[in-house]
């Protein structure tokens, strides 16, 4: 069972992108919008500039896999929020280890574990 729920509605994506904090990483852009209550909701967008359908799906699965490796203290520090990962074009060519490092490192920074 996943430790977060999915963010699926277009209006929710738009709200998080317009009102949330932004973090630029080499392979990803992260947006975080804190909420008052509820579970962490995660959305993933992989644009066509990343590659074809197979590449985009691979990047999406790798981001989901990296989310499973996030330490418990970071998970709890994120609290009630909406989080969006937007893959950059370089993500399609990068190994899993680099993408996972960006996912975990970005969440550590957004959760207050580092400077933003």
C-alpha atoms as a PDB file:
ATOM      1  CA  UNK A   1       0.000   0.000   0.000  1.00  0.00           C
ATOM      2  CA  UNK A   2       1.299   3.434  -0.917  1.00  0.00           C
ATOM      3  CA  UNK A   3       1.927   6.042   1.790  1.00  0.00           C
ATOM      4  CA  UNK A   4       0.306   8.799  -0.301  1.00  0.00           C
ATOM      5  CA  UNK A   5      -2.755   9.214  -2.501  1.00  0.00           C
ATOM      6  CA  UNK A   6      -2.886  10.296  -6.127  1.00  0.00           C
ATOM      7  CA  UNK A   7      -3.497  13.835  -7.285  1.00  0.00           C
ATOM      8  CA  UNK A   8      -5.453  13.488 -10.516  1.00  0.00           C
ATOM      9  CA  UNK A   9      -7.641  16.506 -11.276  1.00  0.00           C
ATOM     10  CA  UNK A  10      -6.359  19.149 -13.670  1.00  0.00           C
ATOM     11  CA  UNK A  11      -7.661  21.940 -11.426  1.00  0.00           C
ATOM     12  CA  UNK A  12      -5.628  20.580  -8.504  1.00  0.00           C
ATOM     13  CA  UNK A  13      -2.469  20.474 -10.643  1.00  0.00           C
ATOM     14  CA  UNK A  14      -3.060  24.064 -11.732  1.00  0.00           C
ATOM     15  CA  UNK A  15      -3.632  25.256  -8.152  1.00  0.00           C
ATOM     16  CA  UNK A  16      -0.433  23.598  -6.894  1.00  0.00           C
ATOM     17  CA  UNK A  17       1.634  25.006  -9.773  1.00  0.00           C
ATOM     18  CA  UNK A  18       0.302  28.544  -9.271  1.00  0.00           C
ATOM     19  CA  UNK A  19       0.282  28.739  -5.466  1.00  0.00           C
ATOM     20  CA  UNK A  20       2.852  26.179  -4.317  1.00  0.00           C
ATOM     21  CA  UNK A  21       6.552  26.384  -3.544  1.00  0.00           C
ATOM     22  CA  UNK A  22       8.786  25.439  -6.467  1.00  0.00           C
ATOM     23  CA  UNK A  23      12.044  23.526  -6.445  1.00  0.00           C
ATOM     24  CA  UNK A  24      14.182  23.092  -9.571  1.00  0.00           C
ATOM     25  CA  UNK A  25      16.397  20.022  -9.743  1.00  0.00           C
ATOM     26  CA  UNK A  26      18.484  18.661 -12.638  1.00  0.00           C
ATOM     27  CA  UNK A  27      15.892  16.028 -13.617  1.00  0.00           C
ATOM     28  CA  UNK A  28      12.691  17.273 -11.991  1.00  0.00           C
ATOM     29  CA  UNK A  29      10.621  20.270 -11.022  1.00  0.00           C
ATOM     30  CA  UNK A  30       8.776  19.877  -7.732  1.00  0.00           C
ATOM     31  CA  UNK A  31       5.820  21.917  -6.524  1.00  0.00           C
ATOM     32  CA  UNK A  32       4.494  21.688  -2.963  1.00  0.00           C
ATOM     33  CA  UNK A  33       1.314  23.272  -1.638  1.00  0.00           C
ATOM     34  CA  UNK A  34       0.582  22.663   2.024  1.00  0.00           C
ATOM     35  CA  UNK A  35      -2.979  21.952   3.143  1.00  0.00           C
ATOM     36  CA  UNK A  36      -4.678  22.048   6.537  1.00  0.00           C
ATOM     37  CA  UNK A  37      -5.481  18.361   6.838  1.00  0.00           C
ATOM     38  CA  UNK A  38      -5.551  15.103   4.970  1.00  0.00           C
ATOM     39  CA  UNK A  39      -3.021  12.778   3.402  1.00  0.00           C
ATOM     40  CA  UNK A  40      -0.159  13.709   1.143  1.00  0.00           C
ATOM     41  CA  UNK A  41      -1.372  13.750  -2.460  1.00  0.00           C
ATOM     42  CA  UNK A  42       1.157  13.192  -5.257  1.00  0.00           C
ATOM     43  CA  UNK A  43       0.831  13.969  -8.958  1.00  0.00           C
ATOM     44  CA  UNK A  44       3.332  13.109 -11.676  1.00  0.00           C
ATOM     45  CA  UNK A  45       3.544  14.805 -15.063  1.00  0.00           C
ATOM     46  CA  UNK A  46       5.892  13.565 -17.753  1.00  0.00           C
ATOM     47  CA  UNK A  47       5.647  15.790 -20.855  1.00  0.00           C
ATOM     48  CA  UNK A  48       6.249  14.651 -24.406  1.00  0.00           C
ATOM     49  CA  UNK A  49       9.633  16.383 -24.455  1.00  0.00           C
ATOM     50  CA  UNK A  50      10.948  13.552 -22.244  1.00  0.00           C
ATOM     51  CA  UNK A  51      10.451  11.008 -25.015  1.00  0.00           C
ATOM     52  CA  UNK A  52       7.970   8.589 -26.503  1.00  0.00           C
ATOM     53  CA  UNK A  53       5.254   6.786 -24.577  1.00  0.00           C
ATOM     54  CA  UNK A  54       7.547   3.973 -23.445  1.00  0.00           C
ATOM     55  CA  UNK A  55      10.122   6.427 -22.092  1.00  0.00           C
ATOM     56  CA  UNK A  56       7.484   8.585 -20.379  1.00  0.00           C
ATOM     57  CA  UNK A  57       5.935   5.549 -18.693  1.00  0.00           C
ATOM     58  CA  UNK A  58       9.375   4.334 -17.575  1.00  0.00           C
ATOM     59  CA  UNK A  59      10.139   7.729 -16.023  1.00  0.00           C
ATOM     60  CA  UNK A  60       6.749   7.741 -14.276  1.00  0.00           C
ATOM     61  CA  UNK A  61       7.343   4.247 -12.860  1.00  0.00           C
ATOM     62  CA  UNK A  62      10.834   5.222 -11.710  1.00  0.00           C
ATOM     63  CA  UNK A  63       9.489   8.259  -9.861  1.00  0.00           C
ATOM     64  CA  UNK A  64       6.866   6.053  -8.189  1.00  0.00           C
ATOM     65  CA  UNK A  65       9.570   3.542  -7.256  1.00  0.00           C
ATOM     66  CA  UNK A  66      11.761   6.283  -5.808  1.00  0.00           C
ATOM     67  CA  UNK A  67       8.853   7.492  -3.664  1.00  0.00           C
ATOM     68  CA  UNK A  68       8.849   4.090  -1.972  1.00  0.00           C
ATOM     69  CA  UNK A  69      12.459   4.747  -0.870  1.00  0.00           C
ATOM     70  CA  UNK A  70      11.708   8.024   0.925  1.00  0.00           C
ATOM     71  CA  UNK A  71      12.740   7.794   4.622  1.00  0.00           C
ATOM     72  CA  UNK A  72       9.958   7.715   7.215  1.00  0.00           C
ATOM     73  CA  UNK A  73      11.063  10.963   8.870  1.00  0.00           C
ATOM     74  CA  UNK A  74      10.758  12.817   5.546  1.00  0.00           C
ATOM     75  CA  UNK A  75       7.355  11.255   4.878  1.00  0.00           C
ATOM     76  CA  UNK A  76       6.007  12.444   8.215  1.00  0.00           C
ATOM     77  CA  UNK A  77       7.579  15.910   7.840  1.00  0.00           C
ATOM     78  CA  UNK A  78       5.708  16.499   4.572  1.00  0.00           C
ATOM     79  CA  UNK A  79       2.358  16.216   6.350  1.00  0.00           C
ATOM     80  CA  UNK A  80      -0.836  17.277   4.593  1.00  0.00           C
ATOM     81  CA  UNK A  81       0.170  18.671   1.224  1.00  0.00           C
ATOM     82  CA  UNK A  82      -0.204  18.389  -2.518  1.00  0.00           C
ATOM     83  CA  UNK A  83       3.013  17.532  -4.342  1.00  0.00           C
ATOM     84  CA  UNK A  84       3.688  17.527  -8.082  1.00  0.00           C
ATOM     85  CA  UNK A  85       6.694  16.059  -9.876  1.00  0.00           C
ATOM     86  CA  UNK A  86       7.268  17.317 -13.411  1.00  0.00           C
ATOM     87  CA  UNK A  87       9.963  15.433 -15.290  1.00  0.00           C
ATOM     88  CA  UNK A  88      12.466  17.445 -17.286  1.00  0.00           C
ATOM     89  CA  UNK A  89      13.670  16.223 -20.720  1.00  0.00           C
ATOM     90  CA  UNK A  90      16.943  14.865 -19.254  1.00  0.00           C
ATOM     91  CA  UNK A  91      14.975  12.452 -17.016  1.00  0.00           C
ATOM     92  CA  UNK A  92      14.310  10.124 -19.938  1.00  0.00           C
ATOM     93  CA  UNK A  93      18.026   9.544 -20.491  1.00  0.00           C
ATOM     94  CA  UNK A  94      19.112   9.339 -16.860  1.00  0.00           C
ATOM     95  CA  UNK A  95      19.653   6.174 -14.811  1.00  0.00           C
ATOM     96  CA  UNK A  96      17.273   5.261 -12.019  1.00  0.00           C
ATOM     97  CA  UNK A  97      19.838   6.155  -9.342  1.00  0.00           C
ATOM     98  CA  UNK A  98      20.055   9.782 -10.525  1.00  0.00           C
ATOM     99  CA  UNK A  99      16.276  10.148 -10.739  1.00  0.00           C
ATOM    100  CA  UNK A 100      15.793   8.559  -7.307  1.00  0.00           C
ATOM    101  CA  UNK A 101      18.429  10.891  -5.831  1.00  0.00           C
ATOM    102  CA  UNK A 102      16.516  13.901  -7.182  1.00  0.00           C
ATOM    103  CA  UNK A 103      13.192  12.581  -5.833  1.00  0.00           C
ATOM    104  CA  UNK A 104      14.488  11.853  -2.331  1.00  0.00           C
ATOM    105  CA  UNK A 105      16.758  14.921  -2.196  1.00  0.00           C
ATOM    106  CA  UNK A 106      13.977  17.206  -3.369  1.00  0.00           C
ATOM    107  CA  UNK A 107      11.572  15.868  -0.745  1.00  0.00           C
ATOM    108  CA  UNK A 108      14.197  16.294   1.979  1.00  0.00           C
ATOM    109  CA  UNK A 109      14.670  19.938   0.936  1.00  0.00           C
ATOM    110  CA  UNK A 110      10.936  20.632   0.715  1.00  0.00           C
ATOM    111  CA  UNK A 111      10.261  18.992   4.081  1.00  0.00           C
ATOM    112  CA  UNK A 112      12.697  21.346   5.806  1.00  0.00           C
ATOM    113  CA  UNK A 113      15.712  19.054   5.858  1.00  0.00           C
ATOM    114  CA  UNK A 114      17.795  21.390   3.708  1.00  0.00           C
ATOM    115  CA  UNK A 115      17.878  24.835   2.154  1.00  0.00           C
ATOM    116  CA  UNK A 116      15.481  25.646  -0.710  1.00  0.00           C
END
